[in-house]
Every structure is written in structure tokens, then in C-alpha cells.
Amino acid sequence: MNKITALPVERDREGYWIHPAYDQLCAGREFISTDELNTWLEANGLEWKISYRDYEEIDPDVDGYDISAWQPEAPEGDGWFVGSIHDTEDGAVCIWLRNKGGTE
């Protein structure tokens, strides 16, 4: 299996982006189970964290689904890279990935 590493994040017009490896896991589905995610992470030697957009900083009537102005901050520690920036029922999230041990 190929090692999953950081790629340049080129967000679309509305601010969304997904790493090709994470996209392959999701396979167009809106939801994947925790068990499936954990199995994939383990098989690829990855760990993950999630960042949520702070809704106090936006105007949903103006921004709508556009999250392009949001610049999520990486979690503490080395080696984090973006797995996905997308919207959910609970608002915009950034999925952060890194190789176990904190190095890419």
C-alpha cells in the first residue's frame, strides 16, 4: 500500500477540498462508520483529528455553503495535513490526518 502524505490543498470556489486517498475511502458517501474509518486509518498507519468552523465568526445568511474564507488551524504537533474540508449537518469541518508518530 502506498504511504498517504500531504498534498497541495487547492480548494474549490466554495472552499471545499478532499485528499484523493480520503475521497477513495468515502466513495461518494455522505457518511462512513467509525469502524470503517478506524480500519482504514490503521491499515494506512494514520491518526486523525477534526476541526470545526466557529459559527460566531460567520453570517450564514451571507456565507451560505461558502466556507472559502475559513482557514482551519492544524492541531498541535507535527505532521498534520488536510484530509478533507467539507460541510456536515453540524457545520463545516476539517479532517486532519498524519502518520502515526507525527511525521510525514
PDB file of N, CA and C in Angstrom:
ATOM      1  N   MET A   1       0.839  -1.177   0.000  1.00  0.00           N
ATOM      2  CA  MET A   1       0.000   0.000   0.000  1.00  0.00           C
ATOM      3  C   MET A   1       0.890   1.248   0.000  1.00  0.00           C
ATOM      4  N   ASN A   2       0.487   2.250  -0.765  1.00  0.00           N
ATOM      5  CA  ASN A   2       1.252   3.492  -0.830  1.00  0.00           C
ATOM      6  C   ASN A   2       1.047   4.317   0.433  1.00  0.00           C
ATOM      7  N   LYS A   3       2.097   4.990   0.856  1.00  0.00           N
ATOM      8  CA  LYS A   3       2.024   5.862   2.019  1.00  0.00           C
ATOM      9  C   LYS A   3       1.221   7.108   1.657  1.00  0.00           C
ATOM     10  N   ILE A   4       0.288   7.475   2.503  1.00  0.00           N
ATOM     11  CA  ILE A   4      -0.538   8.660   2.279  1.00  0.00           C
ATOM     12  C   ILE A   4       0.178   9.854   2.888  1.00  0.00           C
ATOM     13  N   THR A   5       0.403  10.878   2.081  1.00  0.00           N
ATOM     14  CA  THR A   5       1.136  12.064   2.522  1.00  0.00           C
ATOM     15  C   THR A   5       0.374  13.329   2.143  1.00  0.00           C
ATOM     16  N   ALA A   6       0.865  14.443   2.644  1.00  0.00           N
ATOM     17  CA  ALA A   6       0.261  15.739   2.352  1.00  0.00           C
ATOM     18  C   ALA A   6       0.324  16.040   0.862  1.00  0.00           C
ATOM     19  N   LEU A   7      -0.721  16.707   0.387  1.00  0.00           N
ATOM     20  CA  LEU A   7      -0.779  17.201  -0.983  1.00  0.00           C
ATOM     21  C   LEU A   7      -1.137  18.677  -0.938  1.00  0.00           C
ATOM     22  N   PRO A   8      -0.808  19.421  -2.003  1.00  0.00           N
ATOM     23  CA  PRO A   8      -1.244  20.820  -2.039  1.00  0.00           C
ATOM     24  C   PRO A   8      -2.774  20.885  -1.958  1.00  0.00           C
ATOM     25  N   VAL A   9      -3.279  21.739  -1.108  1.00  0.00           N
ATOM     26  CA  VAL A   9      -4.725  21.886  -0.936  1.00  0.00           C
ATOM     27  C   VAL A   9      -5.201  22.986  -1.874  1.00  0.00           C
ATOM     28  N   GLU A  10      -5.933  22.589  -2.893  1.00  0.00           N
ATOM     29  CA  GLU A  10      -6.484  23.530  -3.871  1.00  0.00           C
ATOM     30  C   GLU A  10      -7.998  23.498  -3.745  1.00  0.00           C
ATOM     31  N   ARG A  11      -8.494  24.367  -2.877  1.00  0.00           N
ATOM     32  CA  ARG A  11      -9.924  24.382  -2.564  1.00  0.00           C
ATOM     33  C   ARG A  11     -10.739  24.897  -3.741  1.00  0.00           C
ATOM     34  N   ASP A  12     -11.968  24.394  -3.851  1.00  0.00           N
ATOM     35  CA  ASP A  12     -12.834  24.849  -4.936  1.00  0.00           C
ATOM     36  C   ASP A  12     -13.407  26.223  -4.599  1.00  0.00           C
ATOM     37  N   ARG A  13     -14.259  26.713  -5.460  1.00  0.00           N
ATOM     38  CA  ARG A  13     -14.813  28.058  -5.338  1.00  0.00           C
ATOM     39  C   ARG A  13     -15.483  28.295  -3.985  1.00  0.00           C
ATOM     40  N   GLU A  14     -16.085  27.271  -3.428  1.00  0.00           N
ATOM     41  CA  GLU A  14     -16.781  27.420  -2.148  1.00  0.00           C
ATOM     42  C   GLU A  14     -15.937  26.977  -0.955  1.00  0.00           C
ATOM     43  N   GLY A  15     -14.678  26.610  -1.202  1.00  0.00           N
ATOM     44  CA  GLY A  15     -13.757  26.304  -0.112  1.00  0.00           C
ATOM     45  C   GLY A  15     -13.622  24.844   0.257  1.00  0.00           C
ATOM     46  N   TYR A  16     -14.191  23.950  -0.538  1.00  0.00           N
ATOM     47  CA  TYR A  16     -14.140  22.519  -0.235  1.00  0.00           C
ATOM     48  C   TYR A  16     -12.919  21.870  -0.885  1.00  0.00           C
ATOM     49  N   TRP A  17     -12.422  20.802  -0.262  1.00  0.00           N
ATOM     50  CA  TRP A  17     -11.309  20.025  -0.825  1.00  0.00           C
ATOM     51  C   TRP A  17     -11.262  18.673  -0.143  1.00  0.00           C
ATOM     52  N   ILE A  18     -10.837  17.653  -0.894  1.00  0.00           N
ATOM     53  CA  ILE A  18     -10.686  16.323  -0.308  1.00  0.00           C
ATOM     54  C   ILE A  18      -9.437  15.659  -0.869  1.00  0.00           C
ATOM     55  N   HIS A  19      -8.645  15.079   0.018  1.00  0.00           N
ATOM     56  CA  HIS A  19      -7.443  14.338  -0.379  1.00  0.00           C
ATOM     57  C   HIS A  19      -7.902  13.127  -1.192  1.00  0.00           C
ATOM     58  N   PRO A  20      -7.248  12.822  -2.307  1.00  0.00           N
ATOM     59  CA  PRO A  20      -7.681  11.692  -3.139  1.00  0.00           C
ATOM     60  C   PRO A  20      -7.782  10.363  -2.383  1.00  0.00           C
ATOM     61  N   ALA A  21      -6.899  10.109  -1.440  1.00  0.00           N
ATOM     62  CA  ALA A  21      -6.955   8.853  -0.679  1.00  0.00           C
ATOM     63  C   ALA A  21      -8.181   8.818   0.234  1.00  0.00           C
ATOM     64  N   TYR A  22      -8.493   9.941   0.855  1.00  0.00           N
ATOM     65  CA  TYR A  22      -9.682  10.022   1.713  1.00  0.00           C
ATOM     66  C   TYR A  22     -10.947   9.951   0.866  1.00  0.00           C
ATOM     67  N   ASP A  23     -10.900  10.577  -0.305  1.00  0.00           N
ATOM     68  CA  ASP A  23     -12.021  10.532  -1.242  1.00  0.00           C
ATOM     69  C   ASP A  23     -12.310   9.094  -1.670  1.00  0.00           C
ATOM     70  N   GLN A  24     -11.262   8.338  -1.890  1.00  0.00           N
ATOM     71  CA  GLN A  24     -11.426   6.938  -2.284  1.00  0.00           C
ATOM     72  C   GLN A  24     -12.120   6.149  -1.162  1.00  0.00           C
ATOM     73  N   LEU A  25     -11.736   6.416   0.074  1.00  0.00           N
ATOM     74  CA  LEU A  25     -12.392   5.767   1.209  1.00  0.00           C
ATOM     75  C   LEU A  25     -13.876   6.124   1.252  1.00  0.00           C
ATOM     76  N   CYS A  26     -14.180   7.407   1.097  1.00  0.00           N
ATOM     77  CA  CYS A  26     -15.569   7.868   1.205  1.00  0.00           C
ATOM     78  C   CYS A  26     -16.426   7.401   0.030  1.00  0.00           C
ATOM     79  N   ALA A  27     -15.828   7.268  -1.131  1.00  0.00           N
ATOM     80  CA  ALA A  27     -16.508   6.735  -2.323  1.00  0.00           C
ATOM     81  C   ALA A  27     -17.855   7.407  -2.590  1.00  0.00           C
ATOM     82  N   GLY A  28     -17.894   8.728  -2.422  1.00  0.00           N
ATOM     83  CA  GLY A  28     -19.109   9.473  -2.720  1.00  0.00           C
ATOM     84  C   GLY A  28     -20.196   9.396  -1.657  1.00  0.00           C
ATOM     85  N   ARG A  29     -19.936   8.679  -0.572  1.00  0.00           N
ATOM     86  CA  ARG A  29     -20.929   8.559   0.500  1.00  0.00           C
ATOM     87  C   ARG A  29     -20.885   9.773   1.416  1.00  0.00           C
ATOM     88  N   GLU A  30     -22.014  10.132   1.975  1.00  0.00           N
ATOM     89  CA  GLU A  30     -22.074  11.234   2.927  1.00  0.00           C
ATOM     90  C   GLU A  30     -21.617  10.821   4.314  1.00  0.00           C
ATOM     91  N   PHE A  31     -21.579   9.522   4.567  1.00  0.00           N
ATOM     92  CA  PHE A  31     -21.255   9.034   5.905  1.00  0.00           C
ATOM     93  C   PHE A  31     -20.476   7.731   5.797  1.00  0.00           C
ATOM     94  N   ILE A  32     -19.448   7.602   6.633  1.00  0.00           N
ATOM     95  CA  ILE A  32     -18.756   6.320   6.786  1.00  0.00           C
ATOM     96  C   ILE A  32     -18.741   6.001   8.276  1.00  0.00           C
ATOM     97  N   SER A  33     -18.799   4.738   8.599  1.00  0.00           N
ATOM     98  CA  SER A  33     -18.856   4.350  10.011  1.00  0.00           C
ATOM     99  C   SER A  33     -17.509   4.588  10.689  1.00  0.00           C
ATOM    100  N   THR A  34     -17.565   4.758  11.994  1.00  0.00           N
ATOM    101  CA  THR A  34     -16.345   4.916  12.779  1.00  0.00           C
ATOM    102  C   THR A  34     -15.455   3.689  12.631  1.00  0.00           C
ATOM    103  N   ASP A  35     -16.064   2.514  12.625  1.00  0.00           N
ATOM    104  CA  ASP A  35     -15.285   1.279  12.466  1.00  0.00           C
ATOM    105  C   ASP A  35     -14.555   1.253  11.127  1.00  0.00           C
ATOM    106  N   GLU A  36     -15.251   1.652  10.060  1.00  0.00           N
ATOM    107  CA  GLU A  36     -14.624   1.665   8.739  1.00  0.00           C
ATOM    108  C   GLU A  36     -13.482   2.680   8.685  1.00  0.00           C
ATOM    109  N   LEU A  37     -13.707   3.866   9.261  1.00  0.00           N
ATOM    110  CA  LEU A  37     -12.654   4.879   9.303  1.00  0.00           C
ATOM    111  C   LEU A  37     -11.459   4.369  10.096  1.00  0.00           C
ATOM    112  N   ASN A  38     -11.700   3.807  11.266  1.00  0.00           N
ATOM    113  CA  ASN A  38     -10.601   3.309  12.100  1.00  0.00           C
ATOM    114  C   ASN A  38      -9.817   2.197  11.418  1.00  0.00           C
ATOM    115  N   THR A  39     -10.502   1.318  10.712  1.00  0.00           N
ATOM    116  CA  THR A  39      -9.831   0.245   9.970  1.00  0.00           C
ATOM    117  C   THR A  39      -8.935   0.828   8.889  1.00  0.00           C
ATOM    118  N   TRP A  40      -9.443   1.821   8.156  1.00  0.00           N
ATOM    119  CA  TRP A  40      -8.673   2.478   7.095  1.00  0.00           C
ATOM    120  C   TRP A  40      -7.458   3.204   7.680  1.00  0.00           C
ATOM    121  N   LEU A  41      -7.667   3.937   8.780  1.00  0.00           N
ATOM    122  CA  LEU A  41      -6.563   4.648   9.425  1.00  0.00           C
ATOM    123  C   LEU A  41      -5.478   3.669   9.858  1.00  0.00           C
ATOM    124  N   GLU A  42      -5.870   2.598  10.507  1.00  0.00           N
ATOM    125  CA  GLU A  42      -4.915   1.591  10.983  1.00  0.00           C
ATOM    126  C   GLU A  42      -4.155   0.962   9.818  1.00  0.00           C
ATOM    127  N   ALA A  43      -4.864   0.620   8.758  1.00  0.00           N
ATOM    128  CA  ALA A  43      -4.229  -0.008   7.590  1.00  0.00           C
ATOM    129  C   ALA A  43      -3.219   0.915   6.923  1.00  0.00           C
ATOM    130  N   ASN A  44      -3.435   2.232   7.066  1.00  0.00           N
ATOM    131  CA  ASN A  44      -2.552   3.209   6.437  1.00  0.00           C
ATOM    132  C   ASN A  44      -1.596   3.874   7.416  1.00  0.00           C
ATOM    133  N   GLY A  45      -1.592   3.431   8.673  1.00  0.00           N
ATOM    134  CA  GLY A  45      -0.678   3.985   9.668  1.00  0.00           C
ATOM    135  C   GLY A  45      -0.936   5.449   9.969  1.00  0.00           C
ATOM    136  N   LEU A  46      -2.225   5.834   9.974  1.00  0.00           N
ATOM    137  CA  LEU A  46      -2.601   7.228  10.180  1.00  0.00           C
ATOM    138  C   LEU A  46      -3.374   7.413  11.475  1.00  0.00           C
ATOM    139  N   GLU A  47      -3.358   8.659  11.947  1.00  0.00           N
ATOM    140  CA  GLU A  47      -4.247   9.085  13.012  1.00  0.00           C
ATOM    141  C   GLU A  47      -4.965  10.330  12.516  1.00  0.00           C
ATOM    142  N   TRP A  48      -6.024  10.735  13.206  1.00  0.00           N
ATOM    143  CA  TRP A  48      -6.806  11.866  12.722  1.00  0.00           C
ATOM    144  C   TRP A  48      -7.316  12.744  13.852  1.00  0.00           C
ATOM    145  N   LYS A  49      -7.642  13.961  13.476  1.00  0.00           N
ATOM    146  CA  LYS A  49      -8.287  14.936  14.362  1.00  0.00           C
ATOM    147  C   LYS A  49      -9.275  15.704  13.492  1.00  0.00           C
ATOM    148  N   ILE A  50     -10.163  16.404  14.138  1.00  0.00           N
ATOM    149  CA  ILE A  50     -11.155  17.187  13.409  1.00  0.00           C
ATOM    150  C   ILE A  50     -11.206  18.602  13.976  1.00  0.00           C
ATOM    151  N   SER A  51     -11.334  19.588  13.082  1.00  0.00           N
ATOM    152  CA  SER A  51     -11.523  20.987  13.470  1.00  0.00           C
ATOM    153  C   SER A  51     -12.894  21.424  12.979  1.00  0.00           C
ATOM    154  N   TYR A  52     -13.599  22.171  13.802  1.00  0.00           N
ATOM    155  CA  TYR A  52     -14.914  22.692  13.441  1.00  0.00           C
ATOM    156  C   TYR A  52     -14.821  24.192  13.211  1.00  0.00           C
ATOM    157  N   ARG A  53     -15.525  24.671  12.209  1.00  0.00           N
ATOM    158  CA  ARG A  53     -15.564  26.120  11.978  1.00  0.00           C
ATOM    159  C   ARG A  53     -16.373  26.764  13.087  1.00  0.00           C
ATOM    160  N   ASP A  54     -15.885  27.902  13.588  1.00  0.00           N
ATOM    161  CA  ASP A  54     -16.548  28.647  14.651  1.00  0.00           C
ATOM    162  C   ASP A  54     -17.655  29.497  14.035  1.00  0.00           C
ATOM    163  N   TYR A  55     -18.893  29.156  14.344  1.00  0.00           N
ATOM    164  CA  TYR A  55     -20.017  29.857  13.729  1.00  0.00           C
ATOM    165  C   TYR A  55     -20.224  31.260  14.254  1.00  0.00           C
ATOM    166  N   GLU A  56     -19.527  31.658  15.295  1.00  0.00           N
ATOM    167  CA  GLU A  56     -19.617  33.031  15.767  1.00  0.00           C
ATOM    168  C   GLU A  56     -18.919  33.983  14.804  1.00  0.00           C
ATOM    169  N   GLU A  57     -18.064  33.449  13.942  1.00  0.00           N
ATOM    170  CA  GLU A  57     -17.283  34.285  13.031  1.00  0.00           C
ATOM    171  C   GLU A  57     -17.906  34.410  11.647  1.00  0.00           C
ATOM    172  N   ILE A  58     -19.078  33.816  11.410  1.00  0.00           N
ATOM    173  CA  ILE A  58     -19.668  33.850  10.079  1.00  0.00           C
ATOM    174  C   ILE A  58     -21.110  34.327  10.140  1.00  0.00           C
ATOM    175  N   ASP A  59     -21.615  34.710   8.990  1.00  0.00           N
ATOM    176  CA  ASP A  59     -23.015  35.067   8.833  1.00  0.00           C
ATOM    177  C   ASP A  59     -23.626  34.070   7.862  1.00  0.00           C
ATOM    178  N   PRO A  60     -24.381  33.075   8.349  1.00  0.00           N
ATOM    179  CA  PRO A  60     -24.909  32.039   7.463  1.00  0.00           C
ATOM    180  C   PRO A  60     -25.789  32.590   6.350  1.00  0.00           C
ATOM    181  N   ASP A  61     -26.445  33.733   6.596  1.00  0.00           N
ATOM    182  CA  ASP A  61     -27.285  34.318   5.552  1.00  0.00           C
ATOM    183  C   ASP A  61     -26.449  34.870   4.407  1.00  0.00           C
ATOM    184  N   VAL A  62     -25.236  35.303   4.700  1.00  0.00           N
ATOM    185  CA  VAL A  62     -24.340  35.839   3.671  1.00  0.00           C
ATOM    186  C   VAL A  62     -23.465  34.731   3.099  1.00  0.00           C
ATOM    187  N   ASP A  63     -22.872  33.922   3.965  1.00  0.00           N
ATOM    188  CA  ASP A  63     -21.924  32.901   3.534  1.00  0.00           C
ATOM    189  C   ASP A  63     -22.590  31.659   2.943  1.00  0.00           C
ATOM    190  N   GLY A  64     -23.760  31.277   3.439  1.00  0.00           N
ATOM    191  CA  GLY A  64     -24.414  30.064   2.955  1.00  0.00           C
ATOM    192  C   GLY A  64     -23.488  28.872   3.064  1.00  0.00           C
ATOM    193  N   TYR A  65     -23.302  28.153   1.953  1.00  0.00           N
ATOM    194  CA  TYR A  65     -22.426  26.981   1.944  1.00  0.00           C
ATOM    195  C   TYR A  65     -20.977  27.337   1.628  1.00  0.00           C
ATOM    196  N   ASP A  66     -20.700  28.615   1.420  1.00  0.00           N
ATOM    197  CA  ASP A  66     -19.348  29.049   1.064  1.00  0.00           C
ATOM    198  C   ASP A  66     -18.476  29.083   2.318  1.00  0.00           C
ATOM    199  N   ILE A  67     -17.474  28.201   2.353  1.00  0.00           N
ATOM    200  CA  ILE A  67     -16.564  28.155   3.503  1.00  0.00           C
ATOM    201  C   ILE A  67     -15.149  28.566   3.093  1.00  0.00           C
ATOM    202  N   SER A  68     -15.055  29.236   1.939  1.00  0.00           N
ATOM    203  CA  SER A  68     -13.737  29.564   1.389  1.00  0.00           C
ATOM    204  C   SER A  68     -12.934  30.525   2.267  1.00  0.00           C
ATOM    205  N   ALA A  69     -13.606  31.336   3.073  1.00  0.00           N
ATOM    206  CA  ALA A  69     -12.881  32.278   3.935  1.00  0.00           C
ATOM    207  C   ALA A  69     -12.310  31.596   5.178  1.00  0.00           C
ATOM    208  N   TRP A  70     -12.790  30.418   5.491  1.00  0.00           N
ATOM    209  CA  TRP A  70     -12.342  29.699   6.687  1.00  0.00           C
ATOM    210  C   TRP A  70     -10.969  29.083   6.453  1.00  0.00           C
ATOM    211  N   GLN A  71     -10.042  29.369   7.350  1.00  0.00           N
ATOM    212  CA  GLN A  71      -8.691  28.808   7.306  1.00  0.00           C
ATOM    213  C   GLN A  71      -8.474  27.991   8.578  1.00  0.00           C
ATOM    214  N   PRO A  72      -8.799  26.702   8.537  1.00  0.00           N
ATOM    215  CA  PRO A  72      -8.672  25.887   9.751  1.00  0.00           C
ATOM    216  C   PRO A  72      -7.229  25.781  10.230  1.00  0.00           C
ATOM    217  N   GLU A  73      -7.068  25.806  11.541  1.00  0.00           N
ATOM    218  CA  GLU A  73      -5.732  25.683  12.135  1.00  0.00           C
ATOM    219  C   GLU A  73      -5.423  24.222  12.412  1.00  0.00           C
ATOM    220  N   ALA A  74      -4.211  23.822  12.071  1.00  0.00           N
ATOM    221  CA  ALA A  74      -3.782  22.438  12.300  1.00  0.00           C
ATOM    222  C   ALA A  74      -3.725  22.151  13.800  1.00  0.00           C
ATOM    223  N   PRO A  75      -4.004  20.923  14.184  1.00  0.00           N
ATOM    224  CA  PRO A  75      -3.862  20.540  15.594  1.00  0.00           C
ATOM    225  C   PRO A  75      -2.408  20.687  16.051  1.00  0.00           C
ATOM    226  N   GLU A  76      -2.216  20.691  17.351  1.00  0.00           N
ATOM    227  CA  GLU A  76      -0.855  20.763  17.883  1.00  0.00           C
ATOM    228  C   GLU A  76      -0.077  19.520  17.496  1.00  0.00           C
ATOM    229  N   GLY A  77       1.215  19.716  17.276  1.00  0.00           N
ATOM    230  CA  GLY A  77       2.077  18.600  16.904  1.00  0.00           C
ATOM    231  C   GLY A  77       2.486  18.694  15.444  1.00  0.00           C
ATOM    232  N   ASP A  78       3.450  17.877  15.079  1.00  0.00           N
ATOM    233  CA  ASP A  78       3.994  17.909  13.725  1.00  0.00           C
ATOM    234  C   ASP A  78       3.292  16.916  12.811  1.00  0.00           C
ATOM    235  N   GLY A  79       3.372  17.202  11.510  1.00  0.00           N
ATOM    236  CA  GLY A  79       2.976  16.238  10.501  1.00  0.00           C
ATOM    237  C   GLY A  79       1.529  16.244  10.063  1.00  0.00           C
ATOM    238  N   TRP A  80       0.687  17.117  10.599  1.00  0.00           N
ATOM    239  CA  TRP A  80      -0.721  17.130  10.220  1.00  0.00           C
ATOM    240  C   TRP A  80      -0.897  17.663   8.807  1.00  0.00           C
ATOM    241  N   PHE A  81      -1.786  17.039   8.061  1.00  0.00           N
ATOM    242  CA  PHE A  81      -2.151  17.529   6.728  1.00  0.00           C
ATOM    243  C   PHE A  81      -3.652  17.347   6.525  1.00  0.00           C
ATOM    244  N   VAL A  82      -4.197  18.092   5.573  1.00  0.00           N
ATOM    245  CA  VAL A  82      -5.640  18.097   5.347  1.00  0.00           C
ATOM    246  C   VAL A  82      -6.081  16.825   4.630  1.00  0.00           C
ATOM    247  N   GLY A  83      -7.079  16.169   5.228  1.00  0.00           N
ATOM    248  CA  GLY A  83      -7.726  15.032   4.583  1.00  0.00           C
ATOM    249  C   GLY A  83      -8.974  15.487   3.843  1.00  0.00           C
ATOM    250  N   SER A  84      -9.678  16.450   4.434  1.00  0.00           N
ATOM    251  CA  SER A  84     -10.894  16.959   3.811  1.00  0.00           C
ATOM    252  C   SER A  84     -11.327  18.243   4.490  1.00  0.00           C
ATOM    253  N   ILE A  85     -11.855  19.154   3.696  1.00  0.00           N
ATOM    254  CA  ILE A  85     -12.547  20.335   4.204  1.00  0.00           C
ATOM    255  C   ILE A  85     -13.926  20.267   3.564  1.00  0.00           C
ATOM    256  N   HIS A  86     -14.950  20.077   4.405  1.00  0.00           N
ATOM    257  CA  HIS A  86     -16.291  19.899   3.859  1.00  0.00           C
ATOM    258  C   HIS A  86     -17.349  20.327   4.869  1.00  0.00           C
ATOM    259  N   ASP A  87     -18.582  20.357   4.412  1.00  0.00           N
ATOM    260  CA  ASP A  87     -19.698  20.732   5.265  1.00  0.00           C
ATOM    261  C   ASP A  87     -20.398  19.473   5.770  1.00  0.00           C
ATOM    262  N   THR A  88     -20.949  19.557   6.954  1.00  0.00           N
ATOM    263  CA  THR A  88     -21.716  18.457   7.542  1.00  0.00           C
ATOM    264  C   THR A  88     -23.020  19.030   8.094  1.00  0.00           C
ATOM    265  N   GLU A  89     -23.867  18.173   8.624  1.00  0.00           N
ATOM    266  CA  GLU A  89     -25.095  18.643   9.272  1.00  0.00           C
ATOM    267  C   GLU A  89     -24.781  19.540  10.460  1.00  0.00           C
ATOM    268  N   ASP A  90     -23.601  19.361  11.049  1.00  0.00           N
ATOM    269  CA  ASP A  90     -23.187  20.151  12.207  1.00  0.00           C
ATOM    270  C   ASP A  90     -22.307  21.333  11.832  1.00  0.00           C
ATOM    271  N   GLY A  91     -22.153  21.600  10.544  1.00  0.00           N
ATOM    272  CA  GLY A  91     -21.331  22.707  10.085  1.00  0.00           C
ATOM    273  C   GLY A  91     -20.059  22.232   9.414  1.00  0.00           C
ATOM    274  N   ALA A  92     -19.258  23.204   9.002  1.00  0.00           N
ATOM    275  CA  ALA A  92     -18.026  22.906   8.270  1.00  0.00           C
ATOM    276  C   ALA A  92     -16.982  22.275   9.187  1.00  0.00           C
ATOM    277  N   VAL A  93     -16.247  21.309   8.624  1.00  0.00           N
ATOM    278  CA  VAL A  93     -15.190  20.629   9.367  1.00  0.00           C
ATOM    279  C   VAL A  93     -13.951  20.483   8.499  1.00  0.00           C
ATOM    280  N   CYS A  94     -12.833  20.336   9.170  1.00  0.00           N
ATOM    281  CA  CYS A  94     -11.588  19.968   8.505  1.00  0.00           C
ATOM    282  C   CYS A  94     -11.113  18.680   9.159  1.00  0.00           C
ATOM    283  N   ILE A  95     -10.926  17.655   8.336  1.00  0.00           N
ATOM    284  CA  ILE A  95     -10.376  16.389   8.802  1.00  0.00           C
ATOM    285  C   ILE A  95      -8.866  16.469   8.619  1.00  0.00           C
ATOM    286  N   TRP A  96      -8.134  16.356   9.709  1.00  0.00           N
ATOM    287  CA  TRP A  96      -6.673  16.381   9.681  1.00  0.00           C
ATOM    288  C   TRP A  96      -6.147  14.958   9.802  1.00  0.00           C
ATOM    289  N   LEU A  97      -5.143  14.637   9.030  1.00  0.00           N
ATOM    290  CA  LEU A  97      -4.503  13.326   9.077  1.00  0.00           C
ATOM    291  C   LEU A  97      -3.015  13.497   9.330  1.00  0.00           C
ATOM    292  N   ARG A  98      -2.398  12.489   9.913  1.00  0.00           N
ATOM    293  CA  ARG A  98      -0.940  12.432   9.973  1.00  0.00           C
ATOM    294  C   ARG A  98      -0.532  10.984  10.187  1.00  0.00           C
ATOM    295  N   ASN A  99       0.670  10.703   9.777  1.00  0.00           N
ATOM    296  CA  ASN A  99       1.213   9.374  10.007  1.00  0.00           C
ATOM    297  C   ASN A  99       1.468   9.218  11.498  1.00  0.00           C
ATOM    298  N   LYS A 100       1.204   8.036  12.021  1.00  0.00           N
ATOM    299  CA  LYS A 100       1.378   7.807  13.457  1.00  0.00           C
ATOM    300  C   LYS A 100       2.796   8.164  13.863  1.00  0.00           C
ATOM    301  N   GLY A 101       2.907   8.865  14.962  1.00  0.00           N
ATOM    302  CA  GLY A 101       4.209   9.311  15.426  1.00  0.00           C
ATOM    303  C   GLY A 101       4.488  10.752  15.049  1.00  0.00           C
ATOM    304  N   GLY A 102       3.609  11.343  14.235  1.00  0.00           N
ATOM    305  CA  GLY A 102       3.709  12.757  13.928  1.00  0.00           C
ATOM    306  C   GLY A 102       4.604  13.143  12.783  1.00  0.00           C
ATOM    307  N   THR A 103       5.077  12.203  12.002  1.00  0.00           N
ATOM    308  CA  THR A 103       5.920  12.558  10.864  1.00  0.00           C
ATOM    309  C   THR A 103       5.237  12.146   9.582  1.00  0.00           C
ATOM    310  N   GLU A 104       5.580  12.868   8.515  1.00  0.00           N
ATOM    311  CA  GLU A 104       5.011  12.542   7.204  1.00  0.00           C
ATOM    312  C   GLU A 104       5.844  11.525   6.504  1.00  0.00           C
TER     313      GLU A 104
END
